[in-house]
Amino acid sequence: MTPASTGASTRVDAVVSVPSPLSAHETRMSPGGPGYRRMSLALFLAGVATFALLYSTQALLPLVSGDFAVSASDASWTVSAATGGLALFVLPMSALSERFGRRTVMTASLAVAVTLGLLVPFAPSLGALVALRALQGAALAGLPASATAYLAEEVTPKALVTAIGLFVAGNSVGGMSGRVITGWVAQEWGWRAAVGVIGLVAVACAVAFRLLLPAPKHFTAGSLRPRVLAGTVRRHLGNPLLRRLFAIGALFMTVFGGVYTVIGYRLTEEPFSLPQGVAGSVFLVYLVGTVSASAAGRLVGRLGRRGALYAGGATTAAGLLLSLADTLPLVLLGLVLITGGFFAGHAVASSAVGRTATEGRAQAAALYQSAYYIGSSVGSAVGALAFHAGGWSGTVAVGLVAVAGVAAITLAGTRAAGRAGEAARAA
């Protein structure tokens, strides 16, 4: 009789293999995998649109000054207002992305920002232009933090620095193309036509972004309750490593905002006296930022995170010193070094935020972006005031102080890591 017929236990020798559900890590995107190229291109274009819109007036400040009969420091508010609006609203927008989804918030932000971008050319006064730019910056606040959080959730950890580097590279291309395009268009048809063209370019990028970006697979809706959000923010601000990264982002951007807000004035004045289109073409050096941001992952692999930050700061400082020369090739080389060092440092710091935060990634990214764009606003305003008071050397002095801050904070992090290692070995 068979065991089954006698009620005896049956030993199963053949085990049927049942596929187990894929782990979260296995379903995340990675280079060469499904959806990675579409995602990379979509966020690259979002980065292009963000920086092209955000800094659309920066290369045009001499023309804005002339049109409204205002000083360089007054005209610089068309940049500072946009970055300030983004800095103020990035945290609330990140909270919305925790509740309604990264892709939804990014799409809505781009839609509002490009609509405002089409209205900017019709601003009747400097006050109206500054107000529109502030609203545009607030609308764009939904992009940076949501994009970083989307990548942290949807991309494998090993590919995160590279993926964020590509998004930052899109920022650099947007900043470059926006300034170069506006420079040449403005030379022929004025600054209003130039910002109108940027608005149309941003519309095309926004449409392509929405069509390309894959739907998120690892997003979990969070709470909009103020107490929950405040608790998350408090824990992030209580993390010493995150605080250091926020400060580093702000200081790097202080340098960058100051330099590129006033470089147009320097190049169109003596001893260079470049035409507006040629001066705008100087922003082609942003291509260096595209390369350095994309290579940030390899730089961290060779030098470690803190080593990469030291390298970015040293490169930026060398560029600032070179830019003091009255020879155009040396000034351009200085801008190349400033741009390469800045984008490398920014990519390293922003990706470290995504890896350090284990909860509330959108809020962590938002705090970084808020500090980053506060740095931009401060750099634009203080850099312009320093230029007005002491010329280009004044702007360079502001930048060198900021770079020294980056080095000091990174050194503090190095020492803290050393003490933590000693404590772990002693235990």
Protein backbone atom coordinates (compact mmCIF):
# COMPACT_ATOMS: atom_id res chain seq x y z
CA MET A 1 0.00 0.00 0.00
CA THR A 2 1.16 3.47 -0.66
CA PRO A 3 1.85 5.80 2.21
CA ALA A 4 -1.01 7.94 1.11
CA SER A 5 -3.49 5.11 1.39
CA THR A 6 -2.38 4.22 4.96
CA GLY A 7 -2.33 7.81 6.20
CA ALA A 8 1.43 7.72 6.77
CA SER A 9 3.42 10.89 6.25
CA THR A 10 4.74 11.48 2.78
CA ARG A 11 8.30 12.68 2.13
CA VAL A 12 8.50 15.04 -0.78
CA ASP A 13 11.79 14.57 -2.59
CA ALA A 14 11.07 16.83 -5.56
CA VAL A 15 10.83 20.50 -4.64
CA VAL A 16 9.04 22.76 -7.10
CA SER A 17 10.83 26.08 -7.46
CA VAL A 18 8.47 29.04 -7.19
CA PRO A 19 9.87 32.40 -8.30
CA SER A 20 9.98 34.82 -5.37
CA PRO A 21 8.96 38.44 -5.77
CA LEU A 22 11.78 40.72 -6.84
CA SER A 23 13.36 42.67 -4.03
CA ALA A 24 13.21 46.46 -4.07
CA HIS A 25 16.89 46.58 -5.01
CA GLU A 26 16.35 44.26 -7.99
CA THR A 27 13.46 46.31 -9.37
CA ARG A 28 15.29 49.61 -9.17
CA MET A 29 16.76 51.10 -12.31
CA SER A 30 20.45 50.78 -13.11
CA PRO A 31 22.64 51.66 -16.12
CA GLY A 32 21.73 49.43 -19.05
CA GLY A 33 18.52 48.28 -17.37
CA PRO A 34 14.89 48.92 -18.38
CA GLY A 35 13.78 52.53 -18.16
CA TYR A 36 17.16 53.92 -17.10
CA ARG A 37 17.84 55.79 -20.33
CA ARG A 38 14.33 57.27 -20.45
CA MET A 39 14.59 58.32 -16.83
CA SER A 40 18.04 59.85 -17.35
CA LEU A 41 16.93 61.81 -20.40
CA ALA A 42 13.72 62.98 -18.73
CA LEU A 43 15.49 64.32 -15.65
CA PHE A 44 18.29 65.74 -17.79
CA LEU A 45 15.67 67.78 -19.69
CA ALA A 46 14.01 68.79 -16.41
CA GLY A 47 17.42 70.05 -15.27
CA VAL A 48 17.84 71.96 -18.52
CA ALA A 49 14.45 73.65 -18.13
CA THR A 50 15.02 74.45 -14.45
CA PHE A 51 18.35 76.21 -14.84
CA ALA A 52 17.46 77.87 -18.16
CA LEU A 53 14.38 79.46 -16.57
CA LEU A 54 15.90 80.15 -13.17
CA TYR A 55 18.87 82.08 -14.55
CA SER A 56 17.31 83.40 -17.75
CA THR A 57 18.04 87.04 -16.86
CA GLN A 58 21.56 86.54 -15.48
CA ALA A 59 23.46 87.06 -18.75
CA LEU A 60 21.14 89.96 -19.60
CA LEU A 61 21.67 92.09 -16.49
CA PRO A 62 23.59 94.87 -18.29
CA LEU A 63 20.67 95.22 -20.73
CA VAL A 64 18.09 95.08 -17.92
CA SER A 65 20.07 97.79 -16.10
CA GLY A 66 20.02 99.96 -19.21
CA ASP A 67 16.34 99.38 -20.00
CA PHE A 68 15.10 100.26 -16.51
CA ALA A 69 17.95 102.73 -15.70
CA VAL A 70 19.02 100.86 -12.55
CA SER A 71 22.33 99.73 -11.04
CA ALA A 72 23.89 96.28 -11.24
CA SER A 73 22.86 95.49 -7.65
CA ASP A 74 19.23 96.46 -8.41
CA ALA A 75 19.13 94.39 -11.61
CA SER A 76 20.65 91.42 -9.78
CA TRP A 77 17.36 91.05 -7.88
CA THR A 78 15.86 89.51 -11.02
CA VAL A 79 18.17 86.57 -10.27
CA SER A 80 18.07 86.69 -6.46
CA ALA A 81 14.25 86.83 -6.41
CA ALA A 82 13.98 83.65 -8.47
CA THR A 83 16.50 81.69 -6.43
CA GLY A 84 15.08 83.11 -3.20
CA GLY A 85 11.56 82.03 -4.17
CA LEU A 86 12.86 78.54 -4.87
CA ALA A 87 14.72 78.44 -1.54
CA LEU A 88 11.61 79.46 0.42
CA PHE A 89 9.21 77.04 -1.26
CA VAL A 90 11.35 73.96 -1.81
CA LEU A 91 10.50 72.49 1.60
CA PRO A 92 6.69 72.91 1.28
CA MET A 93 6.85 71.52 -2.26
CA SER A 94 8.84 68.54 -1.07
CA ALA A 95 6.09 67.85 1.46
CA LEU A 96 3.56 67.82 -1.36
CA SER A 97 5.75 65.37 -3.26
CA GLU A 98 5.73 63.05 -0.22
CA ARG A 99 1.94 63.02 -0.35
CA PHE A 100 1.07 63.25 -4.05
CA GLY A 101 4.14 61.71 -5.70
CA ARG A 102 7.41 62.93 -7.18
CA ARG A 103 6.35 62.80 -10.82
CA THR A 104 3.07 64.63 -10.18
CA VAL A 105 4.72 67.50 -8.33
CA MET A 106 7.56 67.82 -10.85
CA THR A 107 5.09 67.95 -13.73
CA ALA A 108 2.92 70.59 -12.04
CA SER A 109 5.96 72.68 -11.10
CA LEU A 110 7.28 72.73 -14.64
CA ALA A 111 3.85 73.57 -16.06
CA VAL A 112 3.45 76.64 -13.82
CA ALA A 113 7.06 77.75 -14.28
CA VAL A 114 6.97 77.64 -18.08
CA THR A 115 3.64 79.54 -18.09
CA LEU A 116 5.21 82.30 -16.00
CA GLY A 117 8.24 82.17 -18.26
CA LEU A 118 6.06 83.18 -21.19
CA LEU A 119 4.79 86.19 -19.20
CA VAL A 120 8.21 87.49 -18.10
CA PRO A 121 9.00 89.25 -21.43
CA PHE A 122 5.98 91.50 -20.92
CA ALA A 123 6.96 92.85 -17.48
CA PRO A 124 6.32 96.63 -17.58
CA SER A 125 8.76 97.57 -14.78
CA LEU A 126 11.65 96.22 -12.75
CA GLY A 127 9.31 95.63 -9.80
CA ALA A 128 6.94 93.56 -11.94
CA LEU A 129 9.85 91.62 -13.42
CA VAL A 130 11.24 90.82 -9.96
CA ALA A 131 7.77 89.71 -8.77
CA LEU A 132 7.29 87.40 -11.76
CA ARG A 133 10.76 85.95 -11.26
CA ALA A 134 10.03 85.29 -7.58
CA LEU A 135 6.84 83.42 -8.52
CA GLN A 136 8.75 81.49 -11.15
CA GLY A 137 11.36 80.44 -8.62
CA ALA A 138 8.63 79.31 -6.20
CA ALA A 139 7.05 77.21 -8.96
CA LEU A 140 10.39 75.60 -9.83
CA ALA A 141 10.83 74.59 -6.18
CA GLY A 142 8.99 71.34 -6.89
CA LEU A 143 11.76 70.09 -9.19
CA PRO A 144 15.11 69.77 -7.38
CA ALA A 145 14.08 68.02 -4.16
CA SER A 146 11.50 65.81 -5.87
CA ALA A 147 14.00 64.76 -8.54
CA THR A 148 16.63 63.81 -5.96
CA ALA A 149 14.06 61.86 -3.93
CA TYR A 150 12.78 60.12 -7.07
CA LEU A 151 16.31 59.00 -7.94
CA ALA A 152 17.04 57.83 -4.38
CA GLU A 153 13.91 55.66 -4.52
CA GLU A 154 14.02 54.38 -8.09
CA VAL A 155 17.76 53.93 -8.81
CA THR A 156 20.11 51.33 -7.33
CA PRO A 157 22.41 52.74 -4.61
CA LYS A 158 25.57 52.09 -6.65
CA ALA A 159 24.21 54.13 -9.56
CA LEU A 160 22.84 57.00 -7.46
CA VAL A 161 25.84 59.36 -7.64
CA THR A 162 26.04 58.89 -11.41
CA ALA A 163 22.27 59.40 -11.85
CA ILE A 164 22.26 62.58 -9.77
CA GLY A 165 25.36 63.70 -11.65
CA LEU A 166 23.41 63.42 -14.90
CA PHE A 167 20.59 65.52 -13.43
CA VAL A 168 23.12 68.12 -12.30
CA ALA A 169 24.69 67.93 -15.78
CA GLY A 170 21.26 68.87 -17.14
CA ASN A 171 21.38 71.88 -14.82
CA SER A 172 24.71 72.88 -16.31
CA VAL A 173 23.48 72.49 -19.90
CA GLY A 174 20.37 74.50 -19.06
CA GLY A 175 22.43 77.24 -17.46
CA MET A 176 24.82 77.30 -20.39
CA SER A 177 22.27 77.18 -23.20
CA GLY A 178 20.02 79.70 -21.51
CA ARG A 179 22.78 82.23 -21.15
CA VAL A 180 24.33 81.67 -24.57
CA ILE A 181 20.98 81.79 -26.37
CA THR A 182 19.84 84.89 -24.50
CA GLY A 183 23.14 86.64 -25.18
CA TRP A 184 22.91 86.30 -28.95
CA VAL A 185 19.14 86.84 -29.20
CA ALA A 186 19.37 89.91 -26.98
CA GLN A 187 22.13 91.39 -29.11
CA GLU A 188 19.75 91.45 -32.07
CA TRP A 189 16.27 91.85 -30.56
CA GLY A 190 16.68 92.84 -26.91
CA TRP A 191 16.40 91.07 -23.56
CA ARG A 192 12.61 90.61 -23.76
CA ALA A 193 12.83 88.52 -26.92
CA ALA A 194 15.68 86.56 -25.34
CA VAL A 195 13.73 85.48 -22.24
CA GLY A 196 10.75 84.70 -24.47
CA VAL A 197 12.86 82.24 -26.47
CA ILE A 198 13.99 80.58 -23.23
CA GLY A 199 10.34 80.21 -22.25
CA LEU A 200 9.61 78.33 -25.47
CA VAL A 201 12.64 76.07 -25.02
CA ALA A 202 11.44 75.26 -21.50
CA VAL A 203 7.97 74.36 -22.81
CA ALA A 204 9.51 71.77 -25.15
CA CYS A 205 11.64 70.33 -22.32
CA ALA A 206 8.64 70.12 -20.00
CA VAL A 207 6.53 68.20 -22.54
CA ALA A 208 9.36 65.76 -23.28
CA PHE A 209 10.02 65.27 -19.56
CA ARG A 210 6.42 64.24 -18.88
CA LEU A 211 6.34 61.83 -21.83
CA LEU A 212 9.65 60.16 -20.95
CA LEU A 213 9.77 59.83 -17.15
CA PRO A 214 8.85 56.28 -16.03
CA ALA A 215 6.13 55.93 -13.42
CA PRO A 216 7.58 55.43 -9.92
CA LYS A 217 7.53 51.90 -8.51
CA HIS A 218 8.90 52.49 -5.02
CA PHE A 219 7.06 55.61 -3.89
CA THR A 220 5.07 55.34 -0.68
CA ALA A 221 2.78 58.25 0.13
CA GLY A 222 3.63 60.07 3.36
CA SER A 223 1.73 62.35 5.67
CA LEU A 224 1.02 66.05 5.23
CA ARG A 225 0.46 66.53 8.96
CA PRO A 226 2.61 69.48 10.11
CA ARG A 227 3.73 67.65 13.26
CA VAL A 228 5.04 64.69 11.25
CA LEU A 229 6.82 66.94 8.75
CA ALA A 230 8.30 69.10 11.51
CA GLY A 231 9.62 65.99 13.23
CA THR A 232 11.29 64.80 10.02
CA VAL A 233 12.89 68.18 9.41
CA ARG A 234 14.06 68.37 13.02
CA ARG A 235 15.75 64.97 12.77
CA HIS A 236 17.48 65.98 9.53
CA LEU A 237 18.74 69.22 11.05
CA GLY A 238 19.91 67.26 14.07
CA ASN A 239 22.14 65.08 11.89
CA PRO A 240 25.67 66.59 11.91
CA LEU A 241 26.61 65.10 8.54
CA LEU A 242 23.50 66.49 6.85
CA ARG A 243 24.10 69.91 8.40
CA ARG A 244 27.62 69.94 6.98
CA LEU A 245 26.35 68.93 3.53
CA PHE A 246 23.69 71.66 3.58
CA ALA A 247 26.32 74.28 4.47
CA ILE A 248 28.72 73.02 1.78
CA GLY A 249 26.01 73.28 -0.88
CA ALA A 250 25.19 76.84 0.20
CA LEU A 251 28.83 77.95 0.16
CA PHE A 252 29.61 76.41 -3.23
CA MET A 253 26.58 78.16 -4.68
CA THR A 254 27.55 81.47 -3.06
CA VAL A 255 30.71 81.40 -5.18
CA PHE A 256 28.91 80.39 -8.34
CA GLY A 257 26.02 82.83 -7.94
CA GLY A 258 28.33 85.76 -7.30
CA VAL A 259 30.71 85.03 -10.17
CA TYR A 260 28.09 84.48 -12.84
CA THR A 261 25.83 87.33 -11.76
CA VAL A 262 28.49 89.97 -12.40
CA ILE A 263 30.74 88.36 -15.02
CA GLY A 264 28.61 89.91 -17.78
CA TYR A 265 29.33 93.39 -16.45
CA ARG A 266 33.06 92.69 -16.28
CA LEU A 267 33.28 91.34 -19.81
CA THR A 268 31.22 94.11 -21.41
CA GLU A 269 33.23 96.83 -19.66
CA GLU A 270 36.90 97.85 -19.94
CA PRO A 271 39.42 96.31 -20.54
CA PHE A 272 37.47 93.66 -22.50
CA SER A 273 34.44 95.56 -23.91
CA LEU A 274 32.92 92.42 -25.46
CA PRO A 275 29.62 92.60 -27.36
CA GLN A 276 26.60 91.13 -25.53
CA GLY A 277 26.48 88.03 -27.73
CA VAL A 278 30.17 87.27 -27.26
CA ALA A 279 29.93 87.88 -23.49
CA GLY A 280 26.97 85.50 -23.33
CA SER A 281 28.96 82.85 -25.17
CA VAL A 282 31.36 82.73 -22.23
CA PHE A 283 28.74 80.56 -20.54
CA LEU A 284 29.79 77.76 -22.88
CA VAL A 285 32.21 76.90 -20.09
CA TYR A 286 29.17 75.30 -18.43
CA LEU A 287 30.01 72.30 -20.61
CA VAL A 288 32.89 71.73 -18.20
CA GLY A 289 30.29 71.47 -15.46
CA THR A 290 28.41 68.86 -17.47
CA VAL A 291 31.55 66.73 -17.61
CA SER A 292 32.61 67.25 -13.99
CA ALA A 293 29.13 66.55 -12.61
CA SER A 294 28.82 63.38 -14.67
CA ALA A 295 32.25 62.25 -13.48
CA ALA A 296 31.49 62.90 -9.80
CA GLY A 297 30.82 59.22 -9.14
CA ARG A 298 34.28 58.23 -10.42
CA LEU A 299 35.88 61.04 -8.43
CA VAL A 300 34.28 59.78 -5.21
CA GLY A 301 35.43 56.25 -6.08
CA ARG A 302 39.04 57.43 -6.28
CA LEU A 303 39.23 60.05 -3.54
CA GLY A 304 36.27 59.34 -1.28
CA ARG A 305 33.52 61.86 -0.60
CA ARG A 306 35.61 64.24 1.49
CA GLY A 307 38.57 63.98 -0.89
CA ALA A 308 36.28 64.89 -3.79
CA LEU A 309 34.99 67.91 -1.87
CA TYR A 310 38.56 69.07 -1.14
CA ALA A 311 39.37 68.71 -4.85
CA GLY A 312 36.26 70.66 -5.90
CA GLY A 313 37.04 73.47 -3.46
CA ALA A 314 40.70 73.70 -4.45
CA THR A 315 39.80 73.79 -8.15
CA THR A 316 37.24 76.55 -7.54
CA ALA A 317 39.73 78.64 -5.54
CA ALA A 318 42.39 78.30 -8.24
CA GLY A 319 39.85 79.51 -10.80
CA LEU A 320 38.92 82.54 -8.71
CA LEU A 321 42.56 83.60 -8.42
CA LEU A 322 43.19 83.13 -12.16
CA SER A 323 40.14 85.22 -13.01
CA LEU A 324 41.79 88.29 -11.46
CA ALA A 325 44.03 88.61 -14.52
CA ASP A 326 43.28 91.28 -17.12
CA THR A 327 44.03 88.82 -19.92
CA LEU A 328 40.92 87.27 -21.45
CA PRO A 329 42.35 83.72 -21.91
CA LEU A 330 43.32 83.59 -18.21
CA VAL A 331 39.88 84.86 -17.17
CA LEU A 332 38.25 82.16 -19.30
CA LEU A 333 40.52 79.49 -17.82
CA GLY A 334 39.56 80.75 -14.38
CA LEU A 335 35.87 80.39 -15.24
CA VAL A 336 36.51 76.85 -16.49
CA LEU A 337 38.09 75.88 -13.16
CA ILE A 338 35.38 77.63 -11.11
CA THR A 339 32.65 75.86 -13.06
CA GLY A 340 34.28 72.43 -12.97
CA GLY A 341 35.01 72.63 -9.25
CA PHE A 342 31.56 73.90 -8.39
CA PHE A 343 29.59 71.28 -10.30
CA ALA A 344 31.76 68.44 -9.01
CA GLY A 345 31.33 69.61 -5.41
CA HIS A 346 27.59 70.11 -5.82
CA ALA A 347 27.06 66.65 -7.34
CA VAL A 348 29.06 65.00 -4.55
CA ALA A 349 27.29 66.86 -1.74
CA SER A 350 23.75 66.45 -3.12
CA SER A 351 24.18 62.71 -3.76
CA ALA A 352 25.59 62.29 -0.22
CA VAL A 353 22.38 63.81 1.14
CA GLY A 354 20.31 61.20 -0.71
CA ARG A 355 22.43 58.37 0.68
CA THR A 356 22.60 59.73 4.24
CA ALA A 357 18.86 60.29 4.74
CA THR A 358 17.11 57.01 5.52
CA GLU A 359 13.68 58.61 5.90
CA GLY A 360 12.00 61.70 4.51
CA ARG A 361 14.37 61.86 1.56
CA ALA A 362 12.35 64.60 -0.11
CA GLN A 363 12.64 66.77 3.03
CA ALA A 364 16.40 66.09 3.27
CA ALA A 365 16.85 66.99 -0.40
CA ALA A 366 14.63 70.03 0.09
CA LEU A 367 16.71 71.29 2.99
CA TYR A 368 19.84 70.88 0.86
CA GLN A 369 18.23 72.67 -2.08
CA SER A 370 16.95 75.43 0.19
CA ALA A 371 20.44 76.02 1.55
CA TYR A 372 21.85 75.76 -1.97
CA TYR A 373 19.56 78.41 -3.42
CA ILE A 374 19.88 80.66 -0.39
CA GLY A 375 23.57 80.52 -1.22
CA SER A 376 22.75 81.51 -4.79
CA SER A 377 20.63 84.46 -3.66
CA VAL A 378 23.26 85.62 -1.18
CA GLY A 379 26.03 85.16 -3.73
CA SER A 380 24.14 87.10 -6.41
CA ALA A 381 23.30 90.00 -4.09
CA VAL A 382 26.60 90.17 -2.16
CA GLY A 383 28.68 89.49 -5.27
CA ALA A 384 26.98 92.40 -7.07
CA LEU A 385 27.46 94.71 -4.08
CA ALA A 386 31.12 93.70 -3.84
CA PHE A 387 31.57 94.34 -7.55
CA HIS A 388 29.95 97.77 -7.19
CA ALA A 389 32.22 98.60 -4.23
CA GLY A 390 35.54 97.06 -5.27
CA GLY A 391 35.25 95.75 -8.81
CA TRP A 392 35.94 92.16 -9.81
CA SER A 393 38.46 91.67 -7.00
CA GLY A 394 35.64 92.31 -4.51
CA THR A 395 33.55 89.53 -6.04
CA VAL A 396 36.56 87.19 -6.01
CA ALA A 397 37.16 87.97 -2.31
CA VAL A 398 33.59 86.93 -1.50
CA GLY A 399 34.13 83.68 -3.42
CA LEU A 400 37.41 82.87 -1.67
CA VAL A 401 35.80 83.32 1.75
CA ALA A 402 33.05 80.89 0.73
CA VAL A 403 35.57 78.31 -0.54
CA ALA A 404 37.49 78.61 2.73
CA GLY A 405 34.21 77.78 4.49
CA VAL A 406 33.84 74.63 2.36
CA ALA A 407 37.36 73.52 3.29
CA ALA A 408 36.81 74.20 7.01
CA ILE A 409 33.52 72.25 7.10
CA THR A 410 35.01 69.33 5.16
CA LEU A 411 37.98 69.27 7.54
CA ALA A 412 35.59 69.21 10.50
CA GLY A 413 33.85 66.22 8.90
CA THR A 414 37.19 64.46 8.38
CA ARG A 415 38.09 64.92 12.04
CA ALA A 416 34.65 63.79 13.20
CA ALA A 417 34.95 60.63 11.09
CA GLY A 418 38.41 59.99 12.55
CA ARG A 419 37.12 60.30 16.12
CA ALA A 420 34.19 57.99 15.32
CA GLY A 421 36.60 55.41 13.88
CA GLU A 422 38.83 55.56 16.97
CA ALA A 423 35.80 55.11 19.23
CA ALA A 424 34.63 52.11 17.20
CA ARG A 425 38.07 50.47 17.40
CA ALA A 426 38.26 51.11 21.13
CA ALA A 427 34.86 49.45 21.61
